[in-house]
Amino acid sequence: MNARLESLLERREKLASLIQDTELIKNQNKYRDVMREFSQLDEIYITNNELVELSAQLSDAKVLLQGERDPEIRELAKEEMRELENRLHETQERLRFLLIPRDPLDEKNIIMEIRAGTGGDEAALFAADLFRMYSRFAETKGWKFEVMSSNETELGGLKEIVFSVNGNNVYENLRYESGVHRVQRVPETENSGRIHTSAVTVAVLPEADETEINIKPEDLRIDVMRAGGPGGQCVNTTDSAVRIIHLPTGITVHCQDEKSQLKNKAKAMRILRARIYEAEAKKAAADRASTRRSQVGSGDRSERIRTYNFPQNRITDHRINLTLYKLDMMMQGEVMELFDALKMSAREEMLRATAS
């Protein structure tokens, strides 16, 4: 850890000089990347300085305690030492977490897919609720999101919705949402008051740039057709809907929300790249995986990860055994506490893996 810390602090010093270069500022993309890296390293620098300062204060307190005879002052010195030791331990742990190598995917934008599973109309209604939860959370973070494809039900639910989220560290915060979300509540369509259990599947795909995924034109089958479902006068009268099949993998994407065939094709290609990127990332992760499995889970969309119990206002994440009785607030987008707990659990698992 000490060698890594020294290396990162040296890198920060180099970046501190580099960001003063007027030539760098002219290249906005490179300047943005450098500033992002500098910000991450600067947090390590500040935390390490706090650690050095606390260590010095603790040493001074010990010297004071050794030379002091007055009982009251000695007790005050002991109390100050206990507080400094607690703060020192917390800062050491924070620095250890910051020194864990970051996943390069954490800074990626994402494409998120929500699909109704078992439960019919109630599952579709809950899929719409989840979409609102994520979109409200995105608003609090200042992220941008765009609906790319959707399939609504007559009751206002969603059989399926695909949308992109762009912003800072989007994947880092939302990566653990992939899986099966189970809901327990009395459906709006239920007259007898019985609690039903339904399920919704969520997939979180890091969005790939065109340079990261090379898709050959000859590997694609592109079909155009008239869009189906509600959508206005022109939807069913023009061949605006697009279906793209990636022949080597069999991955199929269908987009019809836009009236423009070109816009639907562009959205479909973004989704296709993300799905291929996810498939390749999972294969690479499986190839290098050890017998140790992360407590947070693999991100497999077939894994049941969470239960939303509305009668008890309870939300439970089964991967980290966390239960919170504030479901109403979380459905309004106040989910940072849950997401932080998931990130912390993943980091602790990484620390245990590096220590063993």
Protein backbone atom coordinates (compact mmCIF):
# COMPACT_ATOMS: atom_id res chain seq x y z
CA MET A 1 0.00 0.00 0.00
CA ASN A 2 2.86 2.41 0.81
CA ALA A 3 4.48 1.86 -2.59
CA ARG A 4 1.14 2.39 -4.32
CA LEU A 5 0.51 5.54 -2.26
CA GLU A 6 3.88 7.01 -3.19
CA SER A 7 3.31 6.20 -6.87
CA LEU A 8 -0.13 7.86 -6.88
CA LEU A 9 1.13 10.97 -5.07
CA GLU A 10 3.95 11.30 -7.63
CA ARG A 11 1.39 10.96 -10.41
CA ARG A 12 -0.71 13.71 -8.81
CA GLU A 13 2.27 16.08 -8.80
CA LYS A 14 2.83 15.47 -12.51
CA LEU A 15 -0.85 16.11 -13.26
CA ALA A 16 -0.81 19.28 -11.14
CA SER A 17 1.84 20.66 -13.50
CA LEU A 18 0.16 19.28 -16.61
CA ILE A 19 -3.20 21.00 -15.99
CA GLN A 20 -1.41 24.35 -16.10
CA ASP A 21 -0.37 23.69 -19.72
CA THR A 22 -2.32 25.95 -22.08
CA GLU A 23 -1.95 23.40 -24.89
CA LEU A 24 -3.79 20.80 -22.83
CA ILE A 25 -6.68 23.17 -22.17
CA LYS A 26 -7.19 23.51 -25.92
CA ASN A 27 -7.89 19.77 -26.14
CA GLN A 28 -11.14 19.63 -24.18
CA ASN A 29 -11.51 15.83 -24.21
CA LYS A 30 -8.00 15.19 -22.93
CA TYR A 31 -8.28 18.07 -20.44
CA ARG A 32 -11.49 16.55 -19.05
CA ASP A 33 -9.83 13.14 -18.63
CA VAL A 34 -6.79 14.65 -16.92
CA MET A 35 -8.93 16.72 -14.56
CA ARG A 36 -11.00 13.65 -13.65
CA GLU A 37 -7.87 11.69 -12.79
CA PHE A 38 -6.40 14.62 -10.88
CA SER A 39 -9.60 14.96 -8.83
CA GLN A 40 -9.41 11.29 -7.81
CA LEU A 41 -5.72 11.53 -6.88
CA ASP A 42 -6.28 14.82 -5.07
CA GLU A 43 -8.75 13.08 -2.75
CA ILE A 44 -6.00 10.58 -1.87
CA TYR A 45 -3.54 13.46 -1.35
CA ILE A 46 -5.91 15.33 0.99
CA THR A 47 -6.78 12.17 2.95
CA ASN A 48 -3.10 11.27 3.35
CA ASN A 49 -2.36 14.80 4.66
CA GLU A 50 -5.18 14.40 7.18
CA LEU A 51 -3.59 11.13 8.28
CA VAL A 52 -0.17 12.74 8.73
CA GLU A 53 -1.68 15.62 10.72
CA LEU A 54 -3.70 13.30 12.98
CA SER A 55 -0.62 11.15 13.62
CA ALA A 56 1.34 14.25 14.66
CA GLN A 57 -1.46 15.41 16.97
CA LEU A 58 -1.62 11.95 18.57
CA SER A 59 2.14 11.95 19.17
CA ASP A 60 1.91 15.38 20.80
CA ALA A 61 -0.93 14.20 23.03
CA LYS A 62 1.13 11.19 24.18
CA VAL A 63 4.08 13.43 25.05
CA LEU A 64 1.76 15.72 27.00
CA LEU A 65 0.30 12.78 28.90
CA GLN A 66 3.73 11.43 29.88
CA GLY A 67 4.92 14.72 31.35
CA GLU A 68 1.70 15.82 33.04
CA ARG A 69 1.05 15.21 36.74
CA ASP A 70 -2.28 17.01 37.18
CA PRO A 71 -5.06 14.32 37.23
CA GLU A 72 -7.65 16.52 35.48
CA ILE A 73 -5.32 17.48 32.68
CA ARG A 74 -4.19 13.85 32.31
CA GLU A 75 -7.85 12.79 31.97
CA LEU A 76 -8.43 15.48 29.33
CA ALA A 77 -5.32 14.30 27.48
CA LYS A 78 -6.55 10.69 27.57
CA GLU A 79 -9.94 11.74 26.20
CA GLU A 80 -8.26 13.70 23.41
CA MET A 81 -6.08 10.67 22.59
CA ARG A 82 -9.14 8.39 22.35
CA GLU A 83 -10.82 10.82 19.95
CA LEU A 84 -7.66 11.18 17.87
CA GLU A 85 -7.20 7.41 17.71
CA ASN A 86 -10.79 6.96 16.46
CA ARG A 87 -10.35 9.65 13.83
CA LEU A 88 -6.98 8.19 12.85
CA HIS A 89 -8.51 4.72 12.37
CA GLU A 90 -11.40 6.12 10.28
CA THR A 91 -8.98 8.09 8.09
CA GLN A 92 -6.72 5.05 7.64
CA GLU A 93 -9.71 2.99 6.47
CA ARG A 94 -10.82 5.75 4.11
CA LEU A 95 -7.33 5.94 2.61
CA ARG A 96 -7.21 2.15 2.22
CA PHE A 97 -10.47 2.26 0.27
CA LEU A 98 -9.18 5.09 -1.91
CA LEU A 99 -6.05 3.09 -2.73
CA ILE A 100 -8.03 0.16 -4.12
CA PRO A 101 -7.57 0.24 -7.91
CA ARG A 102 -10.67 1.70 -9.51
CA ASP A 103 -12.62 -0.23 -12.09
CA PRO A 104 -12.17 1.66 -15.39
CA LEU A 105 -15.85 0.99 -16.10
CA ASP A 106 -16.94 3.07 -13.08
CA GLU A 107 -16.81 6.30 -15.06
CA LYS A 108 -18.82 4.89 -17.95
CA ASN A 109 -22.25 6.10 -18.95
CA ILE A 110 -24.81 3.32 -19.01
CA ILE A 111 -27.76 1.91 -20.86
CA MET A 112 -30.34 0.52 -18.46
CA GLU A 113 -33.02 -2.02 -19.34
CA ILE A 114 -36.06 -2.69 -17.17
CA ARG A 115 -38.42 -5.54 -18.08
CA ALA A 116 -41.58 -6.79 -16.39
CA GLY A 117 -41.28 -10.42 -15.31
CA THR A 118 -43.73 -12.64 -13.47
CA GLY A 119 -46.85 -10.86 -12.29
CA GLY A 120 -48.56 -9.58 -15.42
CA ASP A 121 -49.95 -6.05 -15.17
CA GLU A 122 -48.64 -5.62 -11.62
CA ALA A 123 -45.08 -6.39 -12.75
CA ALA A 124 -45.44 -3.83 -15.55
CA LEU A 125 -46.68 -1.21 -13.06
CA PHE A 126 -43.71 -1.87 -10.80
CA ALA A 127 -41.35 -1.61 -13.77
CA ALA A 128 -42.74 1.90 -14.29
CA ASP A 129 -42.19 2.63 -10.58
CA LEU A 130 -38.56 1.52 -10.82
CA PHE A 131 -38.02 3.69 -13.88
CA ARG A 132 -39.35 6.70 -11.95
CA MET A 133 -37.09 5.84 -9.00
CA TYR A 134 -33.97 5.72 -11.16
CA SER A 135 -34.89 8.81 -13.16
CA ARG A 136 -35.51 10.85 -9.98
CA PHE A 137 -32.20 9.66 -8.55
CA ALA A 138 -30.50 10.70 -11.80
CA GLU A 139 -32.05 14.16 -11.46
CA THR A 140 -30.61 14.56 -7.94
CA LYS A 141 -27.15 13.69 -9.29
CA GLY A 142 -27.44 16.10 -12.21
CA TRP A 143 -27.26 13.23 -14.71
CA LYS A 144 -28.96 13.23 -18.10
CA PHE A 145 -31.17 10.35 -19.15
CA GLU A 146 -32.85 9.56 -22.45
CA VAL A 147 -35.53 6.98 -23.20
CA MET A 148 -34.34 4.87 -26.12
CA SER A 149 -37.12 2.30 -26.37
CA SER A 150 -40.30 1.58 -24.43
CA ASN A 151 -43.37 -0.63 -24.50
CA GLU A 152 -46.25 0.64 -22.36
CA THR A 153 -49.36 -1.15 -21.16
CA GLU A 154 -52.91 0.21 -21.18
CA LEU A 155 -52.77 0.62 -17.37
CA GLY A 156 -49.71 2.87 -17.53
CA GLY A 157 -47.17 0.18 -16.76
CA LEU A 158 -44.10 -0.77 -18.75
CA LYS A 159 -43.52 -4.16 -20.28
CA GLU A 160 -40.06 -2.92 -21.16
CA ILE A 161 -38.07 0.31 -21.17
CA VAL A 162 -34.51 0.98 -22.30
CA PHE A 163 -32.85 4.30 -21.43
CA SER A 164 -29.41 5.84 -21.23
CA VAL A 165 -27.91 7.69 -18.24
CA ASN A 166 -24.99 10.08 -18.76
CA GLY A 167 -22.95 11.82 -16.06
CA ASN A 168 -20.12 11.47 -13.58
CA ASN A 169 -19.49 7.95 -12.22
CA VAL A 170 -22.85 6.65 -13.38
CA TYR A 171 -21.81 3.01 -13.67
CA GLU A 172 -20.07 3.13 -10.27
CA ASN A 173 -23.37 4.00 -8.60
CA LEU A 174 -25.79 1.88 -10.64
CA ARG A 175 -23.74 -1.19 -11.54
CA TYR A 176 -25.20 -3.29 -8.71
CA GLU A 177 -28.80 -2.82 -9.88
CA SER A 178 -28.59 -5.70 -12.39
CA GLY A 179 -30.77 -8.59 -11.34
CA VAL A 180 -34.29 -9.52 -10.31
CA HIS A 181 -36.22 -7.01 -8.20
CA ARG A 182 -39.14 -8.61 -6.34
CA VAL A 183 -42.14 -6.56 -5.18
CA GLN A 184 -44.71 -7.51 -2.55
CA ARG A 185 -47.83 -5.34 -2.39
CA VAL A 186 -51.57 -5.21 -3.02
CA PRO A 187 -51.90 -4.49 -6.76
CA GLU A 188 -54.13 -1.71 -8.00
CA THR A 189 -55.93 -4.37 -10.01
CA GLU A 190 -56.65 -6.49 -6.89
CA ASN A 191 -60.08 -6.07 -5.28
CA SER A 192 -59.74 -8.57 -2.43
CA GLY A 193 -56.77 -6.83 -0.76
CA ARG A 194 -54.44 -9.82 -1.13
CA ILE A 195 -50.70 -9.18 -1.31
CA HIS A 196 -49.17 -10.33 -4.59
CA THR A 197 -45.52 -11.03 -5.39
CA SER A 198 -44.22 -9.89 -8.77
CA ALA A 199 -40.81 -9.52 -10.33
CA VAL A 200 -38.97 -7.11 -12.60
CA THR A 201 -35.62 -7.68 -14.28
CA VAL A 202 -33.03 -4.90 -14.51
CA ALA A 203 -29.86 -4.90 -16.63
CA VAL A 204 -27.16 -2.22 -16.37
CA LEU A 205 -24.88 -2.04 -19.42
CA PRO A 206 -21.79 0.19 -19.52
CA GLU A 207 -22.06 2.16 -22.74
CA ALA A 208 -19.29 1.47 -25.23
CA ASP A 209 -17.74 3.95 -27.63
CA GLU A 210 -17.55 3.09 -31.31
CA THR A 211 -13.77 2.73 -30.96
CA GLU A 212 -14.16 0.13 -28.18
CA ILE A 213 -16.49 -2.22 -30.04
CA ASN A 214 -15.75 -2.95 -33.69
CA ILE A 215 -18.97 -4.06 -35.38
CA LYS A 216 -18.55 -5.13 -38.98
CA PRO A 217 -21.38 -4.15 -41.36
CA GLU A 218 -21.44 -7.68 -42.78
CA ASP A 219 -22.18 -9.01 -39.27
CA LEU A 220 -25.46 -7.09 -39.11
CA ARG A 221 -28.91 -7.85 -40.41
CA ILE A 222 -31.01 -4.70 -40.40
CA ASP A 223 -34.77 -4.85 -40.93
CA VAL A 224 -37.13 -1.89 -41.16
CA MET A 225 -40.85 -2.10 -40.50
CA ARG A 226 -43.85 -0.11 -39.40
CA ALA A 227 -43.96 0.63 -35.71
CA GLY A 228 -46.64 -0.96 -33.58
CA GLY A 229 -48.64 0.30 -30.61
CA PRO A 230 -49.75 3.84 -29.68
CA GLY A 231 -47.73 6.79 -30.87
CA GLY A 232 -49.61 9.22 -33.09
CA GLN A 233 -50.64 9.56 -36.70
CA CYS A 234 -47.33 8.69 -38.40
CA VAL A 235 -46.20 5.79 -36.27
CA ASN A 236 -48.05 3.01 -38.09
CA THR A 237 -47.88 4.50 -41.60
CA THR A 238 -44.11 4.74 -42.18
CA ASP A 239 -41.31 2.17 -42.02
CA SER A 240 -39.62 3.91 -39.09
CA ALA A 241 -39.07 0.95 -36.75
CA VAL A 242 -35.67 -0.74 -36.91
CA ARG A 243 -34.56 -4.20 -35.87
CA ILE A 244 -30.84 -5.04 -35.84
CA ILE A 245 -29.53 -8.58 -35.42
CA HIS A 246 -25.85 -9.13 -34.67
CA LEU A 247 -25.27 -12.40 -36.49
CA PRO A 248 -22.16 -13.67 -34.60
CA THR A 249 -23.84 -13.38 -31.17
CA GLY A 250 -27.53 -13.48 -32.05
CA ILE A 251 -28.13 -10.28 -30.05
CA THR A 252 -31.25 -8.53 -31.33
CA VAL A 253 -32.26 -4.90 -30.75
CA HIS A 254 -35.55 -3.28 -31.77
CA CYS A 255 -36.26 0.47 -31.68
CA GLN A 256 -39.43 2.23 -32.79
CA ASP A 257 -39.97 5.22 -30.49
CA GLU A 258 -38.69 7.83 -32.96
CA LYS A 259 -40.55 8.79 -36.12
CA SER A 260 -37.21 8.89 -37.93
CA GLN A 261 -35.78 5.59 -39.14
CA LEU A 262 -32.25 7.03 -38.88
CA LYS A 263 -32.76 8.03 -35.24
CA ASN A 264 -34.15 4.61 -34.38
CA LYS A 265 -31.17 2.97 -36.10
CA ALA A 266 -28.71 5.17 -34.18
CA LYS A 267 -30.34 4.28 -30.86
CA ALA A 268 -30.44 0.61 -31.74
CA MET A 269 -26.72 0.64 -32.56
CA ARG A 270 -25.93 2.24 -29.17
CA ILE A 271 -27.89 -0.47 -27.38
CA LEU A 272 -26.27 -3.18 -29.50
CA ARG A 273 -22.75 -1.93 -28.73
CA ALA A 274 -23.57 -1.86 -25.01
CA ARG A 275 -24.91 -5.42 -25.04
CA ILE A 276 -21.90 -6.75 -26.94
CA TYR A 277 -19.57 -4.82 -24.62
CA GLU A 278 -21.31 -6.31 -21.57
CA ALA A 279 -21.07 -9.82 -22.99
CA GLU A 280 -17.33 -9.42 -23.69
CA ALA A 281 -16.71 -7.87 -20.24
CA LYS A 282 -18.49 -10.77 -18.52
CA LYS A 283 -16.47 -13.30 -20.49
CA ALA A 284 -13.22 -11.56 -19.56
CA ALA A 285 -14.27 -11.41 -15.89
CA ALA A 286 -15.14 -15.11 -15.92
CA ASP A 287 -11.78 -15.98 -17.46
CA ARG A 288 -9.87 -14.25 -14.65
CA ALA A 289 -12.25 -15.02 -11.79
CA SER A 290 -10.88 -16.93 -8.80
CA THR A 291 -12.88 -19.15 -6.45
CA ARG A 292 -13.63 -16.09 -4.33
CA ARG A 293 -17.01 -14.61 -5.23
CA SER A 294 -17.96 -11.05 -4.43
CA GLN A 295 -20.55 -10.74 -1.70
CA VAL A 296 -22.38 -8.12 -3.75
CA GLY A 297 -22.91 -10.57 -6.59
CA SER A 298 -21.92 -11.08 -10.16
CA GLY A 299 -24.36 -8.66 -11.76
CA ASP A 300 -26.19 -11.54 -13.39
CA ARG A 301 -29.64 -10.32 -14.39
CA SER A 302 -31.15 -13.68 -13.33
CA GLU A 303 -30.02 -13.26 -9.71
CA ARG A 304 -32.68 -12.16 -7.21
CA ILE A 305 -31.11 -9.17 -5.53
CA ARG A 306 -33.80 -7.19 -3.72
CA THR A 307 -37.31 -7.29 -2.26
CA TYR A 308 -39.63 -4.28 -2.01
CA ASN A 309 -42.32 -4.92 0.63
CA PHE A 310 -44.84 -2.08 0.46
CA PRO A 311 -47.15 -3.09 3.37
CA GLN A 312 -44.18 -2.95 5.77
CA ASN A 313 -42.43 -0.03 4.00
CA ARG A 314 -39.41 -2.35 3.84
CA ILE A 315 -36.66 -2.77 1.28
CA THR A 316 -34.16 -5.64 1.61
CA ASP A 317 -31.02 -6.20 -0.41
CA HIS A 318 -30.32 -9.91 -0.14
CA ARG A 319 -26.68 -9.74 -1.26
CA ILE A 320 -25.51 -7.69 1.73
CA ASN A 321 -28.34 -8.57 4.14
CA LEU A 322 -29.38 -4.93 4.45
CA THR A 323 -32.95 -4.01 5.41
CA LEU A 324 -34.22 -0.43 5.52
CA TYR A 325 -37.69 0.71 6.55
CA LYS A 326 -37.90 3.70 4.23
CA LEU A 327 -39.23 2.22 1.00
CA ASP A 328 -41.53 5.19 0.42
CA MET A 329 -38.57 7.60 0.40
CA MET A 330 -36.47 5.34 -1.79
CA MET A 331 -39.16 5.01 -4.42
CA GLN A 332 -38.93 8.81 -4.69
CA GLY A 333 -35.27 8.48 -5.68
CA GLU A 334 -33.63 8.76 -2.25
CA VAL A 335 -31.52 5.63 -2.72
CA MET A 336 -27.99 6.91 -2.09
CA GLU A 337 -27.80 5.18 1.31
CA LEU A 338 -28.48 1.83 -0.31
CA PHE A 339 -26.09 2.40 -3.20
CA ASP A 340 -23.32 3.51 -0.81
CA ALA A 341 -23.79 0.35 1.26
CA LEU A 342 -23.44 -1.79 -1.88
CA LYS A 343 -20.28 0.04 -2.95
CA MET A 344 -18.82 -0.25 0.55
CA SER A 345 -19.51 -3.99 0.67
CA ALA A 346 -17.81 -4.47 -2.70
CA ARG A 347 -14.77 -2.48 -1.57
CA GLU A 348 -14.49 -4.46 1.67
CA GLU A 349 -14.57 -7.66 -0.34
CA MET A 350 -11.78 -6.32 -2.55
CA LEU A 351 -9.74 -5.44 0.54
CA ARG A 352 -10.13 -8.96 1.89
CA ALA A 353 -9.13 -10.36 -1.49
CA THR A 354 -5.96 -8.23 -1.66
CA ALA A 355 -5.04 -9.06 1.95
CA SER A 356 -5.32 -12.83 1.45
